[in-house]
Amino acid sequence: RMSELKKKAGHDKECCFYYICGMFMNILLGPLLDVCGYAFAPAALI
């Protein structure tokens, strides 16, 4: 979302950086840790 706000403000370099970092965290890191969590605890708890 911050990348979109930076894009509207004309800060294209910052926009790209925020977007790439955000996608990496939201699509790769977050779900990877979620899946790892299911290996240690039952789904009913998580």
All heavy atoms as atom14 arrays in JSON, in Angstrom:
{
  "sequence": "RMSELKKKAGHDKECCFYYICGMFMNILLGPLLDVCGYAFAPAALI",
  "atom14_mask": [
    [1, 1, 1, 1, 1, 1, 1, 1, 1, 1, 1, 0, 0, 0],
    [1, 1, 1, 1, 1, 1, 1, 1, 0, 0, 0, 0, 0, 0],
    [1, 1, 1, 1, 1, 1, 0, 0, 0, 0, 0, 0, 0, 0],
    [1, 1, 1, 1, 1, 1, 1, 1, 1, 0, 0, 0, 0, 0],
    [1, 1, 1, 1, 1, 1, 1, 1, 0, 0, 0, 0, 0, 0],
    [1, 1, 1, 1, 1, 1, 1, 1, 1, 0, 0, 0, 0, 0],
    [1, 1, 1, 1, 1, 1, 1, 1, 1, 0, 0, 0, 0, 0],
    [1, 1, 1, 1, 1, 1, 1, 1, 1, 0, 0, 0, 0, 0],
    [1, 1, 1, 1, 1, 0, 0, 0, 0, 0, 0, 0, 0, 0],
    [1, 1, 1, 1, 0, 0, 0, 0, 0, 0, 0, 0, 0, 0],
    [1, 1, 1, 1, 1, 1, 1, 1, 1, 1, 0, 0, 0, 0],
    [1, 1, 1, 1, 1, 1, 1, 1, 0, 0, 0, 0, 0, 0],
    [1, 1, 1, 1, 1, 1, 1, 1, 1, 0, 0, 0, 0, 0],
    [1, 1, 1, 1, 1, 1, 1, 1, 1, 0, 0, 0, 0, 0],
    [1, 1, 1, 1, 1, 1, 0, 0, 0, 0, 0, 0, 0, 0],
    [1, 1, 1, 1, 1, 1, 0, 0, 0, 0, 0, 0, 0, 0],
    [1, 1, 1, 1, 1, 1, 1, 1, 1, 1, 1, 0, 0, 0],
    [1, 1, 1, 1, 1, 1, 1, 1, 1, 1, 1, 1, 0, 0],
    [1, 1, 1, 1, 1, 1, 1, 1, 1, 1, 1, 1, 0, 0],
    [1, 1, 1, 1, 1, 1, 1, 1, 0, 0, 0, 0, 0, 0],
    [1, 1, 1, 1, 1, 1, 0, 0, 0, 0, 0, 0, 0, 0],
    [1, 1, 1, 1, 0, 0, 0, 0, 0, 0, 0, 0, 0, 0],
    [1, 1, 1, 1, 1, 1, 1, 1, 0, 0, 0, 0, 0, 0],
    [1, 1, 1, 1, 1, 1, 1, 1, 1, 1, 1, 0, 0, 0],
    [1, 1, 1, 1, 1, 1, 1, 1, 0, 0, 0, 0, 0, 0],
    [1, 1, 1, 1, 1, 1, 1, 1, 0, 0, 0, 0, 0, 0],
    [1, 1, 1, 1, 1, 1, 1, 1, 0, 0, 0, 0, 0, 0],
    [1, 1, 1, 1, 1, 1, 1, 1, 0, 0, 0, 0, 0, 0],
    [1, 1, 1, 1, 1, 1, 1, 1, 0, 0, 0, 0, 0, 0],
    [1, 1, 1, 1, 0, 0, 0, 0, 0, 0, 0, 0, 0, 0],
    [1, 1, 1, 1, 1, 1, 1, 0, 0, 0, 0, 0, 0, 0],
    [1, 1, 1, 1, 1, 1, 1, 1, 0, 0, 0, 0, 0, 0],
    [1, 1, 1, 1, 1, 1, 1, 1, 0, 0, 0, 0, 0, 0],
    [1, 1, 1, 1, 1, 1, 1, 1, 0, 0, 0, 0, 0, 0],
    [1, 1, 1, 1, 1, 1, 1, 0, 0, 0, 0, 0, 0, 0],
    [1, 1, 1, 1, 1, 1, 0, 0, 0, 0, 0, 0, 0, 0],
    [1, 1, 1, 1, 0, 0, 0, 0, 0, 0, 0, 0, 0, 0],
    [1, 1, 1, 1, 1, 1, 1, 1, 1, 1, 1, 1, 0, 0],
    [1, 1, 1, 1, 1, 0, 0, 0, 0, 0, 0, 0, 0, 0],
    [1, 1, 1, 1, 1, 1, 1, 1, 1, 1, 1, 0, 0, 0],
    [1, 1, 1, 1, 1, 0, 0, 0, 0, 0, 0, 0, 0, 0],
    [1, 1, 1, 1, 1, 1, 1, 0, 0, 0, 0, 0, 0, 0],
    [1, 1, 1, 1, 1, 0, 0, 0, 0, 0, 0, 0, 0, 0],
    [1, 1, 1, 1, 1, 0, 0, 0, 0, 0, 0, 0, 0, 0],
    [1, 1, 1, 1, 1, 1, 1, 1, 0, 0, 0, 0, 0, 0],
    [1, 1, 1, 1, 1, 1, 1, 1, 0, 0, 0, 0, 0, 0]
  ],
  "atom14_positions": [
    [[0.84, -1.21, 0.0], [0.0, 0.0, 0.0], [0.87, 1.25, 0.0], [0.57, 2.23, -0.69], [-0.93, -0.01, 1.22], [-1.76, 1.24, 1.37], [-2.77, 1.38, 0.26], [-3.57, 2.57, 0.49], [-3.94, 3.42, -0.45], [-3.61, 3.2, -1.7], [-4.65, 4.48, -0.15], [0.0, 0.0, 0.0], [0.0, 0.0, 0.0], [0.0, 0.0, 0.0]],
    [[1.96, 1.21, 0.76], [2.88, 2.35, 0.79], [3.48, 2.59, -0.6], [3.68, 3.74, -1.0], [3.99, 2.11, 1.81], [4.95, 3.27, 1.96], [4.21, 4.77, 2.61], [4.08, 4.33, 4.31], [0.0, 0.0, 0.0], [0.0, 0.0, 0.0], [0.0, 0.0, 0.0], [0.0, 0.0, 0.0], [0.0, 0.0, 0.0], [0.0, 0.0, 0.0]],
    [[3.74, 1.52, -1.34], [4.3, 1.69, -2.68], [3.33, 2.44, -3.58], [3.75, 3.28, -4.39], [4.65, 0.34, -3.3], [3.51, -0.36, -3.72], [0.0, 0.0, 0.0], [0.0, 0.0, 0.0], [0.0, 0.0, 0.0], [0.0, 0.0, 0.0], [0.0, 0.0, 0.0], [0.0, 0.0, 0.0], [0.0, 0.0, 0.0], [0.0, 0.0, 0.0]],
    [[2.05, 2.17, -3.43], [1.06, 2.89, -4.22], [1.0, 4.36, -3.82], [0.89, 5.24, -4.68], [-0.32, 2.24, -4.04], [-1.41, 2.86, -4.88], [-1.18, 2.72, -6.37], [-0.5, 1.78, -6.81], [-1.7, 3.58, -7.12], [0.0, 0.0, 0.0], [0.0, 0.0, 0.0], [0.0, 0.0, 0.0], [0.0, 0.0, 0.0], [0.0, 0.0, 0.0]],
    [[1.11, 4.63, -2.54], [1.12, 6.03, -2.1], [2.36, 6.76, -2.61], [2.29, 7.92, -3.01], [1.05, 6.1, -0.57], [-0.24, 5.55, 0.07], [-0.12, 5.55, 1.59], [-1.44, 6.36, -0.38], [0.0, 0.0, 0.0], [0.0, 0.0, 0.0], [0.0, 0.0, 0.0], [0.0, 0.0, 0.0], [0.0, 0.0, 0.0], [0.0, 0.0, 0.0]],
    [[3.5, 6.08, -2.62], [4.74, 6.68, -3.14], [4.64, 6.91, -4.64], [5.12, 7.92, -5.17], [5.96, 5.79, -2.84], [6.3, 5.69, -1.37], [6.81, 7.01, -0.85], [7.19, 6.89, 0.62], [7.69, 8.15, 1.15], [0.0, 0.0, 0.0], [0.0, 0.0, 0.0], [0.0, 0.0, 0.0], [0.0, 0.0, 0.0], [0.0, 0.0, 0.0]],
    [[3.99, 6.0, -5.35], [3.8, 6.14, -6.79], [2.96, 7.37, -7.1], [3.28, 8.15, -8.0], [3.14, 4.89, -7.35], [2.97, 4.89, -8.84], [2.34, 3.58, -9.3], [2.18, 3.55, -10.8], [1.56, 2.3, -11.25], [0.0, 0.0, 0.0], [0.0, 0.0, 0.0], [0.0, 0.0, 0.0], [0.0, 0.0, 0.0], [0.0, 0.0, 0.0]],
    [[1.89, 7.55, -6.34], [1.03, 8.73, -6.53], [1.77, 10.02, -6.23], [1.47, 11.06, -6.81], [-0.22, 8.62, -5.66], [-1.21, 7.6, -6.15], [-2.43, 7.55, -5.26], [-3.41, 6.5, -5.76], [-4.61, 6.41, -4.94], [0.0, 0.0, 0.0], [0.0, 0.0, 0.0], [0.0, 0.0, 0.0], [0.0, 0.0, 0.0], [0.0, 0.0, 0.0]],
    [[2.75, 9.96, -5.32], [3.53, 11.14, -4.96], [4.69, 11.38, -5.93], [5.41, 12.36, -5.8], [4.06, 11.01, -3.54], [0.0, 0.0, 0.0], [0.0, 0.0, 0.0], [0.0, 0.0, 0.0], [0.0, 0.0, 0.0], [0.0, 0.0, 0.0], [0.0, 0.0, 0.0], [0.0, 0.0, 0.0], [0.0, 0.0, 0.0], [0.0, 0.0, 0.0]],
    [[4.89, 10.46, -6.89], [5.94, 10.63, -7.87], [7.31, 10.11, -7.45], [8.31, 10.43, -8.08], [0.0, 0.0, 0.0], [0.0, 0.0, 0.0], [0.0, 0.0, 0.0], [0.0, 0.0, 0.0], [0.0, 0.0, 0.0], [0.0, 0.0, 0.0], [0.0, 0.0, 0.0], [0.0, 0.0, 0.0], [0.0, 0.0, 0.0], [0.0, 0.0, 0.0]],
    [[7.36, 9.3, -6.42], [8.63, 8.72, -5.95], [8.75, 7.29, -6.5], [8.54, 6.31, -5.8], [8.68, 8.7, -4.43], [8.52, 10.04, -3.8], [9.51, 10.99, -3.83], [7.48, 10.59, -3.14], [9.09, 12.07, -3.2], [7.86, 11.87, -2.76], [0.0, 0.0, 0.0], [0.0, 0.0, 0.0], [0.0, 0.0, 0.0], [0.0, 0.0, 0.0]],
    [[9.13, 7.2, -7.78], [9.12, 5.91, -8.46], [10.14, 4.91, -7.9], [9.85, 3.71, -7.81], [9.35, 6.09, -9.96], [8.17, 6.77, -10.64], [7.05, 6.67, -10.09], [8.36, 7.39, -11.7], [0.0, 0.0, 0.0], [0.0, 0.0, 0.0], [0.0, 0.0, 0.0], [0.0, 0.0, 0.0], [0.0, 0.0, 0.0], [0.0, 0.0, 0.0]],
    [[11.32, 5.37, -7.52], [12.32, 4.44, -6.98], [11.86, 3.85, -5.64], [11.98, 2.66, -5.41], [13.67, 5.13, -6.81], [14.38, 5.39, -8.11], [15.74, 6.0, -7.88], [16.42, 6.27, -9.21], [17.74, 6.88, -9.03], [0.0, 0.0, 0.0], [0.0, 0.0, 0.0], [0.0, 0.0, 0.0], [0.0, 0.0, 0.0], [0.0, 0.0, 0.0]],
    [[11.34, 4.7, -4.78], [10.83, 4.22, -3.5], [9.63, 3.3, -3.7], [9.48, 2.3, -3.01], [10.43, 5.39, -2.61], [11.6, 6.19, -2.09], [11.14, 7.36, -1.25], [10.17, 7.19, -0.48], [11.74, 8.43, -1.37], [0.0, 0.0, 0.0], [0.0, 0.0, 0.0], [0.0, 0.0, 0.0], [0.0, 0.0, 0.0], [0.0, 0.0, 0.0]],
    [[8.8, 3.63, -4.67], [7.62, 2.82, -4.99], [8.04, 1.4, -5.33], [7.49, 0.44, -4.79], [6.87, 3.45, -6.16], [5.67, 2.37, -6.94], [0.0, 0.0, 0.0], [0.0, 0.0, 0.0], [0.0, 0.0, 0.0], [0.0, 0.0, 0.0], [0.0, 0.0, 0.0], [0.0, 0.0, 0.0], [0.0, 0.0, 0.0], [0.0, 0.0, 0.0]],
    [[9.02, 1.26, -6.18], [9.48, -0.06, -6.61], [10.08, -0.85, -5.43], [9.8, -2.04, -5.27], [10.51, 0.1, -7.72], [11.02, -1.46, -8.45], [0.0, 0.0, 0.0], [0.0, 0.0, 0.0], [0.0, 0.0, 0.0], [0.0, 0.0, 0.0], [0.0, 0.0, 0.0], [0.0, 0.0, 0.0], [0.0, 0.0, 0.0], [0.0, 0.0, 0.0]],
    [[10.86, -0.18, -4.61], [11.48, -0.83, -3.45], [10.42, -1.34, -2.48], [10.46, -2.5, -2.05], [12.42, 0.14, -2.74], [12.99, -0.4, -1.46], [14.0, -1.36, -1.5], [12.52, 0.02, -0.23], [14.53, -1.88, -0.32], [13.03, -0.49, 0.95], [14.05, -1.44, 0.9], [0.0, 0.0, 0.0], [0.0, 0.0, 0.0], [0.0, 0.0, 0.0]],
    [[9.45, -0.49, -2.13], [8.39, -0.89, -1.21], [7.57, -2.05, -1.78], [7.19, -2.97, -1.07], [7.47, 0.27, -0.87], [8.04, 1.27, 0.1], [8.12, 2.62, -0.21], [8.5, 0.86, 1.34], [8.64, 3.53, 0.69], [9.02, 1.76, 2.25], [9.1, 3.1, 1.91], [9.61, 4.0, 2.81], [0.0, 0.0, 0.0], [0.0, 0.0, 0.0]],
    [[7.3, -1.98, -3.08], [6.49, -3.01, -3.71], [7.19, -4.37, -3.69], [6.6, -5.38, -3.31], [6.15, -2.62, -5.15], [5.24, -3.6, -5.83], [3.89, -3.63, -5.55], [5.75, -4.51, -6.76], [3.05, -4.54, -6.16], [4.92, -5.43, -7.38], [3.57, -5.43, -7.08], [2.75, -6.33, -7.69], [0.0, 0.0, 0.0], [0.0, 0.0, 0.0]],
    [[8.45, -4.4, -4.06], [9.2, -5.66, -4.09], [9.33, -6.24, -2.68], [9.1, -7.43, -2.47], [10.59, -5.46, -4.75], [10.4, -5.2, -6.24], [11.49, -6.66, -4.52], [11.66, -4.77, -6.96], [0.0, 0.0, 0.0], [0.0, 0.0, 0.0], [0.0, 0.0, 0.0], [0.0, 0.0, 0.0], [0.0, 0.0, 0.0], [0.0, 0.0, 0.0]],
    [[9.69, -5.41, -1.71], [9.8, -5.88, -0.32], [8.45, -6.39, 0.2], [8.38, -7.44, 0.84], [10.32, -4.77, 0.58], [12.05, -4.38, 0.33], [0.0, 0.0, 0.0], [0.0, 0.0, 0.0], [0.0, 0.0, 0.0], [0.0, 0.0, 0.0], [0.0, 0.0, 0.0], [0.0, 0.0, 0.0], [0.0, 0.0, 0.0], [0.0, 0.0, 0.0]],
    [[7.4, -5.66, -0.09], [6.06, -6.05, 0.36], [5.61, -7.35, -0.24], [5.07, -8.22, 0.45], [0.0, 0.0, 0.0], [0.0, 0.0, 0.0], [0.0, 0.0, 0.0], [0.0, 0.0, 0.0], [0.0, 0.0, 0.0], [0.0, 0.0, 0.0], [0.0, 0.0, 0.0], [0.0, 0.0, 0.0], [0.0, 0.0, 0.0], [0.0, 0.0, 0.0]],
    [[5.82, -7.53, -1.53], [5.44, -8.78, -2.19], [6.25, -9.95, -1.64], [5.7, -11.04, -1.41], [5.62, -8.67, -3.71], [4.65, -7.71, -4.36], [2.93, -8.21, -4.18], [2.81, -9.38, -5.49], [0.0, 0.0, 0.0], [0.0, 0.0, 0.0], [0.0, 0.0, 0.0], [0.0, 0.0, 0.0], [0.0, 0.0, 0.0], [0.0, 0.0, 0.0]],
    [[7.53, -9.75, -1.43], [8.39, -10.8, -0.88], [7.9, -11.24, 0.5], [7.79, -12.43, 0.79], [9.83, -10.3, -0.81], [10.8, -11.3, -0.24], [11.19, -12.4, -0.97], [11.32, -11.12, 1.03], [12.08, -13.33, -0.45], [12.22, -12.04, 1.57], [12.59, -13.15, 0.82], [0.0, 0.0, 0.0], [0.0, 0.0, 0.0], [0.0, 0.0, 0.0]],
    [[7.56, -10.27, 1.33], [7.11, -10.59, 2.68], [5.71, -11.22, 2.68], [5.44, -12.16, 3.43], [7.1, -9.33, 3.55], [8.49, -8.8, 3.82], [8.45, -7.22, 4.67], [8.32, -7.8, 6.35], [0.0, 0.0, 0.0], [0.0, 0.0, 0.0], [0.0, 0.0, 0.0], [0.0, 0.0, 0.0], [0.0, 0.0, 0.0], [0.0, 0.0, 0.0]],
    [[4.83, -10.7, 1.83], [3.44, -11.13, 1.83], [3.23, -12.45, 1.09], [2.37, -13.24, 1.47], [2.56, -10.04, 1.21], [1.1, -10.25, 1.51], [0.74, -10.75, 2.55], [0.26, -9.86, 0.58], [0.0, 0.0, 0.0], [0.0, 0.0, 0.0], [0.0, 0.0, 0.0], [0.0, 0.0, 0.0], [0.0, 0.0, 0.0], [0.0, 0.0, 0.0]],
    [[4.01, -12.71, 0.06], [3.79, -13.91, -0.74], [4.73, -15.05, -0.36], [4.36, -16.22, -0.45], [3.95, -13.58, -2.24], [2.81, -12.68, -2.68], [3.98, -14.84, -3.09], [2.91, -12.2, -4.1], [0.0, 0.0, 0.0], [0.0, 0.0, 0.0], [0.0, 0.0, 0.0], [0.0, 0.0, 0.0], [0.0, 0.0, 0.0], [0.0, 0.0, 0.0]],
    [[5.93, -14.73, 0.12], [6.89, -15.79, 0.4], [7.14, -16.0, 1.89], [6.87, -17.07, 2.42], [8.22, -15.5, -0.31], [9.26, -16.59, -0.22], [8.8, -17.84, -0.94], [10.57, -16.12, -0.8], [0.0, 0.0, 0.0], [0.0, 0.0, 0.0], [0.0, 0.0, 0.0], [0.0, 0.0, 0.0], [0.0, 0.0, 0.0], [0.0, 0.0, 0.0]],
    [[7.64, -14.98, 2.58], [8.03, -15.16, 3.98], [6.87, -15.48, 4.91], [6.94, -16.42, 5.7], [8.77, -13.93, 4.49], [10.18, -13.7, 3.97], [10.77, -12.45, 4.59], [11.06, -14.89, 4.24], [0.0, 0.0, 0.0], [0.0, 0.0, 0.0], [0.0, 0.0, 0.0], [0.0, 0.0, 0.0], [0.0, 0.0, 0.0], [0.0, 0.0, 0.0]],
    [[5.81, -14.7, 4.83], [4.66, -14.92, 5.72], [4.06, -16.3, 5.56], [3.94, -17.05, 6.55], [0.0, 0.0, 0.0], [0.0, 0.0, 0.0], [0.0, 0.0, 0.0], [0.0, 0.0, 0.0], [0.0, 0.0, 0.0], [0.0, 0.0, 0.0], [0.0, 0.0, 0.0], [0.0, 0.0, 0.0], [0.0, 0.0, 0.0], [0.0, 0.0, 0.0]],
    [[3.69, -16.71, 4.34], [3.12, -18.05, 4.16], [4.1, -19.17, 4.51], [3.68, -20.21, 5.03], [2.77, -18.09, 2.67], [2.54, -16.67, 2.31], [3.53, -15.9, 3.13], [0.0, 0.0, 0.0], [0.0, 0.0, 0.0], [0.0, 0.0, 0.0], [0.0, 0.0, 0.0], [0.0, 0.0, 0.0], [0.0, 0.0, 0.0], [0.0, 0.0, 0.0]],
    [[5.38, -18.98, 4.26], [6.36, -20.01, 4.61], [6.39, -20.26, 6.12], [6.38, -21.41, 6.57], [7.75, -19.6, 4.11], [8.88, -20.59, 4.38], [8.64, -21.88, 3.61], [10.21, -19.98, 3.99], [0.0, 0.0, 0.0], [0.0, 0.0, 0.0], [0.0, 0.0, 0.0], [0.0, 0.0, 0.0], [0.0, 0.0, 0.0], [0.0, 0.0, 0.0]],
    [[6.37, -19.19, 6.89], [6.34, -19.35, 8.35], [5.01, -19.93, 8.82], [4.98, -20.71, 9.78], [6.63, -18.02, 9.03], [8.09, -17.56, 8.91], [8.24, -16.14, 9.42], [9.0, -18.49, 9.67], [0.0, 0.0, 0.0], [0.0, 0.0, 0.0], [0.0, 0.0, 0.0], [0.0, 0.0, 0.0], [0.0, 0.0, 0.0], [0.0, 0.0, 0.0]],
    [[3.92, -19.57, 8.15], [2.63, -20.16, 8.49], [2.65, -21.68, 8.3], [2.21, -22.43, 9.17], [1.51, -19.57, 7.62], [1.14, -18.16, 8.02], [1.54, -17.72, 9.12], [0.45, -17.5, 7.22], [0.0, 0.0, 0.0], [0.0, 0.0, 0.0], [0.0, 0.0, 0.0], [0.0, 0.0, 0.0], [0.0, 0.0, 0.0], [0.0, 0.0, 0.0]],
    [[3.15, -22.12, 7.17], [3.22, -23.56, 6.89], [4.12, -24.26, 7.91], [3.79, -25.34, 8.4], [3.72, -23.8, 5.45], [4.07, -25.26, 5.22], [2.68, -23.34, 4.46], [0.0, 0.0, 0.0], [0.0, 0.0, 0.0], [0.0, 0.0, 0.0], [0.0, 0.0, 0.0], [0.0, 0.0, 0.0], [0.0, 0.0, 0.0], [0.0, 0.0, 0.0]],
    [[5.23, -23.64, 8.25], [6.12, -24.22, 9.27], [5.41, -24.33, 10.61], [5.6, -25.3, 11.35], [7.39, -23.38, 9.41], [8.48, -23.49, 7.99], [0.0, 0.0, 0.0], [0.0, 0.0, 0.0], [0.0, 0.0, 0.0], [0.0, 0.0, 0.0], [0.0, 0.0, 0.0], [0.0, 0.0, 0.0], [0.0, 0.0, 0.0], [0.0, 0.0, 0.0]],
    [[4.58, -23.36, 10.93], [3.84, -23.4, 12.19], [2.91, -24.59, 12.26], [2.76, -25.2, 13.32], [0.0, 0.0, 0.0], [0.0, 0.0, 0.0], [0.0, 0.0, 0.0], [0.0, 0.0, 0.0], [0.0, 0.0, 0.0], [0.0, 0.0, 0.0], [0.0, 0.0, 0.0], [0.0, 0.0, 0.0], [0.0, 0.0, 0.0], [0.0, 0.0, 0.0]],
    [[2.29, -24.94, 11.13], [1.38, -26.09, 11.11], [2.13, -27.41, 11.33], [1.51, -28.41, 11.69], [0.6, -26.14, 9.8], [-0.55, -25.17, 9.77], [-0.43, -23.93, 9.13], [-1.75, -25.48, 10.38], [-1.48, -23.04, 9.11], [-2.82, -24.6, 10.36], [-2.67, -23.37, 9.72], [-3.71, -22.49, 9.71], [0.0, 0.0, 0.0], [0.0, 0.0, 0.0]],
    [[3.43, -27.42, 11.12], [4.21, -28.63, 11.37], [4.4, -28.86, 12.87], [4.67, -29.98, 13.29], [5.56, -28.52, 10.68], [0.0, 0.0, 0.0], [0.0, 0.0, 0.0], [0.0, 0.0, 0.0], [0.0, 0.0, 0.0], [0.0, 0.0, 0.0], [0.0, 0.0, 0.0], [0.0, 0.0, 0.0], [0.0, 0.0, 0.0], [0.0, 0.0, 0.0]],
    [[4.27, -27.8, 13.67], [4.53, -27.91, 15.11], [3.27, -27.89, 15.97], [3.3, -28.31, 17.12], [5.45, -26.77, 15.57], [6.84, -26.89, 15.06], [7.24, -26.2, 13.93], [7.76, -27.7, 15.71], [8.54, -26.3, 13.46], [9.05, -27.81, 15.25], [9.44, -27.12, 14.11], [0.0, 0.0, 0.0], [0.0, 0.0, 0.0], [0.0, 0.0, 0.0]],
    [[2.19, -27.37, 15.43], [0.97, -27.24, 16.23], [-0.23, -27.67, 15.39], [-0.23, -27.53, 14.17], [0.8, -25.8, 16.7], [0.0, 0.0, 0.0], [0.0, 0.0, 0.0], [0.0, 0.0, 0.0], [0.0, 0.0, 0.0], [0.0, 0.0, 0.0], [0.0, 0.0, 0.0], [0.0, 0.0, 0.0], [0.0, 0.0, 0.0], [0.0, 0.0, 0.0]],
    [[-1.27, -28.18, 16.04], [-2.46, -28.6, 15.3], [-3.2, -27.39, 14.71], [-3.18, -26.29, 15.26], [-3.31, -29.3, 16.36], [-2.81, -28.82, 17.66], [-1.37, -28.44, 17.47], [0.0, 0.0, 0.0], [0.0, 0.0, 0.0], [0.0, 0.0, 0.0], [0.0, 0.0, 0.0], [0.0, 0.0, 0.0], [0.0, 0.0, 0.0], [0.0, 0.0, 0.0]],
    [[-3.85, -27.64, 13.58], [-4.58, -26.58, 12.89], [-5.66, -25.96, 13.78], [-5.93, -24.75, 13.69], [-5.19, -27.12, 11.61], [0.0, 0.0, 0.0], [0.0, 0.0, 0.0], [0.0, 0.0, 0.0], [0.0, 0.0, 0.0], [0.0, 0.0, 0.0], [0.0, 0.0, 0.0], [0.0, 0.0, 0.0], [0.0, 0.0, 0.0], [0.0, 0.0, 0.0]],
    [[-6.27, -26.75, 14.63], [-7.32, -26.23, 15.51], [-6.78, -25.17, 16.47], [-7.51, -24.27, 16.88], [-7.94, -27.37, 16.3], [0.0, 0.0, 0.0], [0.0, 0.0, 0.0], [0.0, 0.0, 0.0], [0.0, 0.0, 0.0], [0.0, 0.0, 0.0], [0.0, 0.0, 0.0], [0.0, 0.0, 0.0], [0.0, 0.0, 0.0], [0.0, 0.0, 0.0]],
    [[-5.52, -25.27, 16.8], [-4.91, -24.28, 17.69], [-4.47, -23.03, 16.92], [-4.58, -21.91, 17.41], [-3.69, -24.9, 18.39], [-2.93, -24.01, 19.36], [-3.83, -23.62, 20.53], [-1.7, -24.72, 19.86], [0.0, 0.0, 0.0], [0.0, 0.0, 0.0], [0.0, 0.0, 0.0], [0.0, 0.0, 0.0], [0.0, 0.0, 0.0], [0.0, 0.0, 0.0]],
    [[-4.02, -23.22, 15.71], [-3.46, -22.11, 14.92], [-4.53, -21.32, 14.17], [-4.41, -20.12, 13.99], [-2.4, -22.66, 13.95], [-1.19, -23.14, 14.74], [-1.97, -21.6, 12.95], [-0.13, -23.78, 13.91], [0.0, 0.0, 0.0], [0.0, 0.0, 0.0], [0.0, 0.0, 0.0], [0.0, 0.0, 0.0], [0.0, 0.0, 0.0], [0.0, 0.0, 0.0]]
  ]
}
